[in-house]
Amino acid sequence: MINIGELKFDEKGLIPAIIVDSVTKEVLTLAYMNRESLEISMEKGLTCFWSRSRNELWLKGETSGNYQHIVSITADCDKDALKIVVEKDGPACHLGNESCFENPLWASDDKSEFSLQGLMKLIEGRKIDKKEGSYTTYLFEKGIDKILKKVGEECTEVIIASKDNDIKETIYEVADLAYHVMVMMTEMGISLEDVHKELASRHVIDHKVKQEKMTK
């Protein structure tokens, strides 16, 4: 662990802070902190910035309710920039967007980004705006019984591939299972964040159990 005194603030006494969503790992915004706002952030566990336009401290969420609860703060190798991982109560952008980075400028023709969150959004879109010929749309049209049947079938395929110690096939079947589980989650109104929070709560419990065992 380093201390604030080791950080390199610029000539205006500011340091850039990149805010990252703890669940999606998406960059939410880029803001600036001075020493005071950083100290407040660490004391409250909430992001507090220095507004360069208003020339004053700015506790994120104080007026909007969209607080950002800090999970961790990490300095870069030169100690002149911060990455702050947060759990957010609402949109990060003042325009109401989840992230401030919503304006594509350039994209590769032969490479594409992939994330579970992106796949989930696509699946959710197929439930709302049904696309003709889409397998996902077909599952939603057939309903929960068909979706659960596919989840069961994919579970079996994972077991068979794993039992045969076929790593490549197991990866393929796990991907199929993950997709169908996400369709089931969407049908039931369960989000990836819901599952993330459940796993995170178990991690805390597991950590406490390990500590108790070490002290005995």
C-alpha atoms as a PDB file:
ATOM      1  CA  MET A   1       0.000   0.000   0.000  1.00  0.00           C
ATOM      2  CA  ILE A   2       1.222   3.487  -0.854  1.00  0.00           C
ATOM      3  CA  ASN A   3       0.117   6.716   0.819  1.00  0.00           C
ATOM      4  CA  ILE A   4      -1.274   9.963  -0.588  1.00  0.00           C
ATOM      5  CA  GLY A   5       2.057  11.686  -0.094  1.00  0.00           C
ATOM      6  CA  GLU A   6       3.577   9.487  -2.802  1.00  0.00           C
ATOM      7  CA  LEU A   7       1.085  10.588  -5.455  1.00  0.00           C
ATOM      8  CA  LYS A   8       2.098  13.145  -8.083  1.00  0.00           C
ATOM      9  CA  PHE A   9      -0.528  15.861  -8.437  1.00  0.00           C
ATOM     10  CA  ASP A  10      -0.125  18.252 -11.392  1.00  0.00           C
ATOM     11  CA  GLU A  11       0.743  21.961 -11.217  1.00  0.00           C
ATOM     12  CA  LYS A  12      -2.903  22.709 -10.351  1.00  0.00           C
ATOM     13  CA  GLY A  13      -2.891  20.157  -7.553  1.00  0.00           C
ATOM     14  CA  LEU A  14      -5.043  17.697  -9.498  1.00  0.00           C
ATOM     15  CA  ILE A  15      -4.765  14.042 -10.438  1.00  0.00           C
ATOM     16  CA  PRO A  16      -6.929  12.278 -13.079  1.00  0.00           C
ATOM     17  CA  ALA A  17      -9.216   9.518 -11.789  1.00  0.00           C
ATOM     18  CA  ILE A  18     -10.558   6.823 -14.114  1.00  0.00           C
ATOM     19  CA  ILE A  19     -13.796   5.432 -12.677  1.00  0.00           C
ATOM     20  CA  VAL A  20     -14.500   1.760 -13.455  1.00  0.00           C
ATOM     21  CA  ASP A  21     -17.660  -0.281 -12.786  1.00  0.00           C
ATOM     22  CA  SER A  22     -16.847  -3.174 -10.439  1.00  0.00           C
ATOM     23  CA  VAL A  23     -19.377  -5.456 -12.140  1.00  0.00           C
ATOM     24  CA  THR A  24     -19.024  -4.751 -15.854  1.00  0.00           C
ATOM     25  CA  LYS A  25     -15.412  -3.456 -15.731  1.00  0.00           C
ATOM     26  CA  GLU A  26     -16.626  -0.677 -18.028  1.00  0.00           C
ATOM     27  CA  VAL A  27     -14.938   2.723 -17.831  1.00  0.00           C
ATOM     28  CA  LEU A  28     -17.638   5.037 -16.490  1.00  0.00           C
ATOM     29  CA  THR A  29     -16.008   8.430 -16.509  1.00  0.00           C
ATOM     30  CA  LEU A  30     -12.792  10.405 -16.206  1.00  0.00           C
ATOM     31  CA  ALA A  31     -12.745  13.009 -13.452  1.00  0.00           C
ATOM     32  CA  TYR A  32     -10.177  14.907 -11.398  1.00  0.00           C
ATOM     33  CA  MET A  33      -9.327  14.933  -7.724  1.00  0.00           C
ATOM     34  CA  ASN A  34      -7.229  17.149  -5.528  1.00  0.00           C
ATOM     35  CA  ARG A  35      -5.776  15.969  -2.254  1.00  0.00           C
ATOM     36  CA  GLU A  36      -8.817  17.109  -0.261  1.00  0.00           C
ATOM     37  CA  SER A  37     -11.358  15.374  -2.510  1.00  0.00           C
ATOM     38  CA  LEU A  38      -9.288  12.200  -2.461  1.00  0.00           C
ATOM     39  CA  GLU A  39      -9.129  12.260   1.327  1.00  0.00           C
ATOM     40  CA  ILE A  40     -12.915  12.766   1.482  1.00  0.00           C
ATOM     41  CA  SER A  41     -13.385   9.873  -0.948  1.00  0.00           C
ATOM     42  CA  MET A  42     -11.289   7.563   1.209  1.00  0.00           C
ATOM     43  CA  GLU A  43     -13.004   8.708   4.407  1.00  0.00           C
ATOM     44  CA  LYS A  44     -16.567   8.361   3.105  1.00  0.00           C
ATOM     45  CA  GLY A  45     -16.004   5.466   0.699  1.00  0.00           C
ATOM     46  CA  LEU A  46     -17.744   7.580  -1.948  1.00  0.00           C
ATOM     47  CA  THR A  47     -16.206   9.311  -4.960  1.00  0.00           C
ATOM     48  CA  CYS A  48     -15.635  13.003  -4.426  1.00  0.00           C
ATOM     49  CA  PHE A  49     -14.092  15.032  -7.242  1.00  0.00           C
ATOM     50  CA  TRP A  50     -12.827  18.525  -7.893  1.00  0.00           C
ATOM     51  CA  SER A  51     -14.976  20.320 -10.436  1.00  0.00           C
ATOM     52  CA  ARG A  52     -12.684  22.281 -12.724  1.00  0.00           C
ATOM     53  CA  SER A  53     -15.611  24.199 -14.256  1.00  0.00           C
ATOM     54  CA  ARG A  54     -17.178  25.235 -10.925  1.00  0.00           C
ATOM     55  CA  ASN A  55     -13.893  25.329  -9.024  1.00  0.00           C
ATOM     56  CA  GLU A  56     -15.337  23.423  -6.058  1.00  0.00           C
ATOM     57  CA  LEU A  57     -15.583  19.998  -4.439  1.00  0.00           C
ATOM     58  CA  TRP A  58     -18.185  17.684  -5.969  1.00  0.00           C
ATOM     59  CA  LEU A  59     -19.487  14.604  -4.133  1.00  0.00           C
ATOM     60  CA  LYS A  60     -20.846  12.397  -6.912  1.00  0.00           C
ATOM     61  CA  GLY A  61     -24.525  11.623  -6.282  1.00  0.00           C
ATOM     62  CA  GLU A  62     -25.131  14.383  -3.737  1.00  0.00           C
ATOM     63  CA  THR A  63     -27.852  15.922  -5.910  1.00  0.00           C
ATOM     64  CA  SER A  64     -28.711  13.060  -8.292  1.00  0.00           C
ATOM     65  CA  GLY A  65     -28.577  10.181  -5.809  1.00  0.00           C
ATOM     66  CA  ASN A  66     -26.230   8.331  -8.159  1.00  0.00           C
ATOM     67  CA  TYR A  67     -23.541   7.712  -5.577  1.00  0.00           C
ATOM     68  CA  GLN A  68     -20.432   5.704  -6.411  1.00  0.00           C
ATOM     69  CA  HIS A  69     -19.338   3.397  -3.596  1.00  0.00           C
ATOM     70  CA  ILE A  70     -15.602   2.821  -3.761  1.00  0.00           C
ATOM     71  CA  VAL A  71     -14.295  -0.740  -3.908  1.00  0.00           C
ATOM     72  CA  SER A  72     -10.630   0.105  -4.462  1.00  0.00           C
ATOM     73  CA  ILE A  73      -8.271   2.900  -5.481  1.00  0.00           C
ATOM     74  CA  THR A  74      -5.089   2.069  -7.406  1.00  0.00           C
ATOM     75  CA  ALA A  75      -2.364   4.400  -8.651  1.00  0.00           C
ATOM     76  CA  ASP A  76      -0.567   3.799 -11.928  1.00  0.00           C
ATOM     77  CA  CYS A  77       3.151   3.033 -12.209  1.00  0.00           C
ATOM     78  CA  ASP A  78       4.098   6.748 -12.254  1.00  0.00           C
ATOM     79  CA  LYS A  79       1.699   7.522  -9.406  1.00  0.00           C
ATOM     80  CA  ASP A  80       0.174  10.376 -11.410  1.00  0.00           C
ATOM     81  CA  ALA A  81      -3.197   8.806 -12.268  1.00  0.00           C
ATOM     82  CA  LEU A  82      -5.788   6.777 -10.356  1.00  0.00           C
ATOM     83  CA  LYS A  83      -8.116   3.913 -11.209  1.00  0.00           C
ATOM     84  CA  ILE A  84     -11.119   3.841  -8.912  1.00  0.00           C
ATOM     85  CA  VAL A  85     -13.356   0.766  -8.986  1.00  0.00           C
ATOM     86  CA  VAL A  86     -16.887   1.491  -7.802  1.00  0.00           C
ATOM     87  CA  GLU A  87     -20.325   0.057  -7.233  1.00  0.00           C
ATOM     88  CA  LYS A  88     -22.713   2.653  -8.626  1.00  0.00           C
ATOM     89  CA  ASP A  89     -26.238   3.532  -7.530  1.00  0.00           C
ATOM     90  CA  GLY A  90     -27.199   4.876 -10.946  1.00  0.00           C
ATOM     91  CA  PRO A  91     -25.913   6.290 -14.242  1.00  0.00           C
ATOM     92  CA  ALA A  92     -22.428   7.772 -14.128  1.00  0.00           C
ATOM     93  CA  CYS A  93     -23.029  10.365 -16.849  1.00  0.00           C
ATOM     94  CA  HIS A  94     -24.905  13.628 -16.206  1.00  0.00           C
ATOM     95  CA  LEU A  95     -26.821  12.919 -19.441  1.00  0.00           C
ATOM     96  CA  GLY A  96     -28.336   9.819 -17.846  1.00  0.00           C
ATOM     97  CA  ASN A  97     -26.115   7.294 -19.621  1.00  0.00           C
ATOM     98  CA  GLU A  98     -24.510   4.429 -17.724  1.00  0.00           C
ATOM     99  CA  SER A  99     -21.097   5.606 -18.914  1.00  0.00           C
ATOM    100  CA  CYS A 100     -19.791   8.932 -20.190  1.00  0.00           C
ATOM    101  CA  PHE A 101     -18.107   7.054 -23.044  1.00  0.00           C
ATOM    102  CA  GLU A 102     -21.025   6.661 -25.448  1.00  0.00           C
ATOM    103  CA  ASN A 103     -19.738   8.245 -28.670  1.00  0.00           C
ATOM    104  CA  PRO A 104     -17.939   5.777 -30.998  1.00  0.00           C
ATOM    105  CA  LEU A 105     -15.138   7.399 -32.980  1.00  0.00           C
ATOM    106  CA  TRP A 106     -13.455   4.449 -34.734  1.00  0.00           C
ATOM    107  CA  ALA A 107     -13.760   0.665 -34.801  1.00  0.00           C
ATOM    108  CA  SER A 108     -11.698  -2.089 -36.401  1.00  0.00           C
ATOM    109  CA  ASP A 109     -13.200  -3.923 -39.361  1.00  0.00           C
ATOM    110  CA  ASP A 110     -11.761  -7.300 -38.362  1.00  0.00           C
ATOM    111  CA  LYS A 111     -11.825  -7.142 -34.565  1.00  0.00           C
ATOM    112  CA  SER A 112     -14.763  -6.754 -32.227  1.00  0.00           C
ATOM    113  CA  GLU A 113     -15.267  -6.344 -28.502  1.00  0.00           C
ATOM    114  CA  PHE A 114     -17.040  -9.076 -26.582  1.00  0.00           C
ATOM    115  CA  SER A 115     -18.369  -9.086 -23.055  1.00  0.00           C
ATOM    116  CA  LEU A 116     -20.997 -11.023 -21.161  1.00  0.00           C
ATOM    117  CA  GLN A 117     -22.746  -7.715 -20.561  1.00  0.00           C
ATOM    118  CA  GLY A 118     -22.850  -7.072 -24.309  1.00  0.00           C
ATOM    119  CA  LEU A 119     -24.238 -10.540 -24.961  1.00  0.00           C
ATOM    120  CA  MET A 120     -26.842 -10.037 -22.241  1.00  0.00           C
ATOM    121  CA  LYS A 121     -27.955  -6.764 -23.827  1.00  0.00           C
ATOM    122  CA  LEU A 122     -28.300  -8.519 -27.180  1.00  0.00           C
ATOM    123  CA  ILE A 123     -30.391 -11.292 -25.584  1.00  0.00           C
ATOM    124  CA  GLU A 124     -32.566  -8.736 -23.772  1.00  0.00           C
ATOM    125  CA  GLY A 125     -33.028  -6.921 -27.082  1.00  0.00           C
ATOM    126  CA  ARG A 126     -34.259 -10.090 -28.757  1.00  0.00           C
ATOM    127  CA  LYS A 127     -36.913 -10.491 -26.058  1.00  0.00           C
ATOM    128  CA  ILE A 128     -38.213  -6.952 -26.599  1.00  0.00           C
ATOM    129  CA  ASP A 129     -37.651  -6.510 -30.329  1.00  0.00           C
ATOM    130  CA  LYS A 130     -38.164  -9.974 -31.785  1.00  0.00           C
ATOM    131  CA  LYS A 131     -36.024 -10.495 -34.887  1.00  0.00           C
ATOM    132  CA  GLU A 132     -37.332 -12.921 -37.495  1.00  0.00           C
ATOM    133  CA  GLY A 133     -35.084 -15.957 -37.931  1.00  0.00           C
ATOM    134  CA  SER A 134     -33.271 -15.378 -34.619  1.00  0.00           C
ATOM    135  CA  TYR A 135     -32.747 -18.486 -32.485  1.00  0.00           C
ATOM    136  CA  THR A 136     -32.915 -16.340 -29.339  1.00  0.00           C
ATOM    137  CA  THR A 137     -36.250 -14.906 -30.439  1.00  0.00           C
ATOM    138  CA  TYR A 138     -37.448 -18.464 -31.139  1.00  0.00           C
ATOM    139  CA  LEU A 139     -36.633 -19.494 -27.556  1.00  0.00           C
ATOM    140  CA  PHE A 140     -38.528 -16.543 -26.097  1.00  0.00           C
ATOM    141  CA  GLU A 141     -41.522 -17.271 -28.305  1.00  0.00           C
ATOM    142  CA  LYS A 142     -41.584 -20.909 -27.135  1.00  0.00           C
ATOM    143  CA  GLY A 143     -41.425 -19.820 -23.504  1.00  0.00           C
ATOM    144  CA  ILE A 144     -39.838 -20.926 -20.261  1.00  0.00           C
ATOM    145  CA  ASP A 145     -40.478 -24.657 -20.658  1.00  0.00           C
ATOM    146  CA  LYS A 146     -38.517 -24.775 -23.929  1.00  0.00           C
ATOM    147  CA  ILE A 147     -35.743 -22.625 -22.457  1.00  0.00           C
ATOM    148  CA  LEU A 148     -35.425 -24.858 -19.389  1.00  0.00           C
ATOM    149  CA  LYS A 149     -35.382 -27.952 -21.582  1.00  0.00           C
ATOM    150  CA  LYS A 150     -32.410 -26.504 -23.490  1.00  0.00           C
ATOM    151  CA  VAL A 151     -30.640 -25.636 -20.235  1.00  0.00           C
ATOM    152  CA  GLY A 152     -31.084 -29.231 -19.084  1.00  0.00           C
ATOM    153  CA  GLU A 153     -29.799 -30.615 -22.394  1.00  0.00           C
ATOM    154  CA  GLU A 154     -26.725 -28.389 -22.303  1.00  0.00           C
ATOM    155  CA  CYS A 155     -26.000 -29.415 -18.694  1.00  0.00           C
ATOM    156  CA  THR A 156     -25.951 -33.019 -19.852  1.00  0.00           C
ATOM    157  CA  GLU A 157     -23.655 -32.177 -22.774  1.00  0.00           C
ATOM    158  CA  VAL A 158     -21.213 -30.483 -20.399  1.00  0.00           C
ATOM    159  CA  ILE A 159     -21.169 -33.544 -18.152  1.00  0.00           C
ATOM    160  CA  ILE A 160     -20.574 -35.925 -21.064  1.00  0.00           C
ATOM    161  CA  ALA A 161     -17.762 -33.832 -22.536  1.00  0.00           C
ATOM    162  CA  SER A 162     -16.128 -33.428 -19.120  1.00  0.00           C
ATOM    163  CA  LYS A 163     -16.438 -37.142 -18.373  1.00  0.00           C
ATOM    164  CA  ASP A 164     -14.594 -37.868 -21.648  1.00  0.00           C
ATOM    165  CA  ASN A 165     -11.910 -35.356 -20.602  1.00  0.00           C
ATOM    166  CA  ASP A 166     -12.434 -33.561 -23.922  1.00  0.00           C
ATOM    167  CA  ILE A 167     -11.322 -30.037 -23.072  1.00  0.00           C
ATOM    168  CA  LYS A 168     -12.192 -28.452 -26.413  1.00  0.00           C
ATOM    169  CA  GLU A 169     -15.666 -29.989 -26.463  1.00  0.00           C
ATOM    170  CA  THR A 170     -16.217 -29.091 -22.810  1.00  0.00           C
ATOM    171  CA  ILE A 171     -15.410 -25.437 -23.516  1.00  0.00           C
ATOM    172  CA  TYR A 172     -17.838 -25.506 -26.450  1.00  0.00           C
ATOM    173  CA  GLU A 173     -20.621 -27.033 -24.342  1.00  0.00           C
ATOM    174  CA  VAL A 174     -19.993 -24.699 -21.376  1.00  0.00           C
ATOM    175  CA  ALA A 175     -20.402 -21.755 -23.770  1.00  0.00           C
ATOM    176  CA  ASP A 176     -23.696 -23.242 -25.011  1.00  0.00           C
ATOM    177  CA  LEU A 177     -24.855 -23.725 -21.422  1.00  0.00           C
ATOM    178  CA  ALA A 178     -23.868 -20.175 -20.437  1.00  0.00           C
ATOM    179  CA  TYR A 179     -25.826 -18.734 -23.357  1.00  0.00           C
ATOM    180  CA  HIS A 180     -28.992 -20.712 -22.568  1.00  0.00           C
ATOM    181  CA  VAL A 181     -28.726 -19.856 -18.857  1.00  0.00           C
ATOM    182  CA  MET A 182     -28.550 -16.172 -19.828  1.00  0.00           C
ATOM    183  CA  VAL A 183     -31.687 -16.589 -21.948  1.00  0.00           C
ATOM    184  CA  MET A 184     -33.374 -18.188 -18.923  1.00  0.00           C
ATOM    185  CA  MET A 185     -32.202 -15.325 -16.703  1.00  0.00           C
ATOM    186  CA  THR A 186     -33.611 -12.764 -19.130  1.00  0.00           C
ATOM    187  CA  GLU A 187     -36.937 -14.585 -19.278  1.00  0.00           C
ATOM    188  CA  MET A 188     -37.070 -14.536 -15.458  1.00  0.00           C
ATOM    189  CA  GLY A 189     -35.882 -10.941 -15.088  1.00  0.00           C
ATOM    190  CA  ILE A 190     -32.557 -11.852 -13.470  1.00  0.00           C
ATOM    191  CA  SER A 191     -29.556  -9.681 -14.340  1.00  0.00           C
ATOM    192  CA  LEU A 192     -25.851 -10.470 -14.447  1.00  0.00           C
ATOM    193  CA  GLU A 193     -25.457  -7.948 -11.644  1.00  0.00           C
ATOM    194  CA  ASP A 194     -27.838 -10.001  -9.467  1.00  0.00           C
ATOM    195  CA  VAL A 195     -25.609 -13.056  -9.884  1.00  0.00           C
ATOM    196  CA  HIS A 196     -22.465 -10.980  -9.417  1.00  0.00           C
ATOM    197  CA  LYS A 197     -23.758  -9.629  -6.093  1.00  0.00           C
ATOM    198  CA  GLU A 198     -24.649 -13.133  -4.907  1.00  0.00           C
ATOM    199  CA  LEU A 199     -21.180 -14.462  -5.760  1.00  0.00           C
ATOM    200  CA  ALA A 200     -19.567 -11.414  -4.151  1.00  0.00           C
ATOM    201  CA  SER A 201     -21.490 -12.032  -0.919  1.00  0.00           C
ATOM    202  CA  ARG A 202     -20.264 -15.620  -0.884  1.00  0.00           C
ATOM    203  CA  HIS A 203     -16.688 -14.420  -1.438  1.00  0.00           C
ATOM    204  CA  VAL A 204     -16.953 -12.263   1.691  1.00  0.00           C
ATOM    205  CA  ILE A 205     -18.317 -15.193   3.688  1.00  0.00           C
ATOM    206  CA  ASP A 206     -15.576 -17.494   2.375  1.00  0.00           C
ATOM    207  CA  HIS A 207     -12.919 -14.912   3.270  1.00  0.00           C
ATOM    208  CA  LYS A 208     -14.261 -14.667   6.824  1.00  0.00           C
ATOM    209  CA  VAL A 209     -14.323 -18.460   7.192  1.00  0.00           C
ATOM    210  CA  LYS A 210     -10.690 -18.666   6.072  1.00  0.00           C
ATOM    211  CA  GLN A 211      -9.712 -15.992   8.585  1.00  0.00           C
ATOM    212  CA  GLU A 212     -11.512 -17.846  11.394  1.00  0.00           C
ATOM    213  CA  LYS A 213      -9.737 -21.083  10.513  1.00  0.00           C
ATOM    214  CA  MET A 214      -6.359 -19.329  10.529  1.00  0.00           C
ATOM    215  CA  THR A 215      -6.941 -17.904  14.011  1.00  0.00           C
ATOM    216  CA  LYS A 216      -7.889 -21.263  15.523  1.00  0.00           C
END
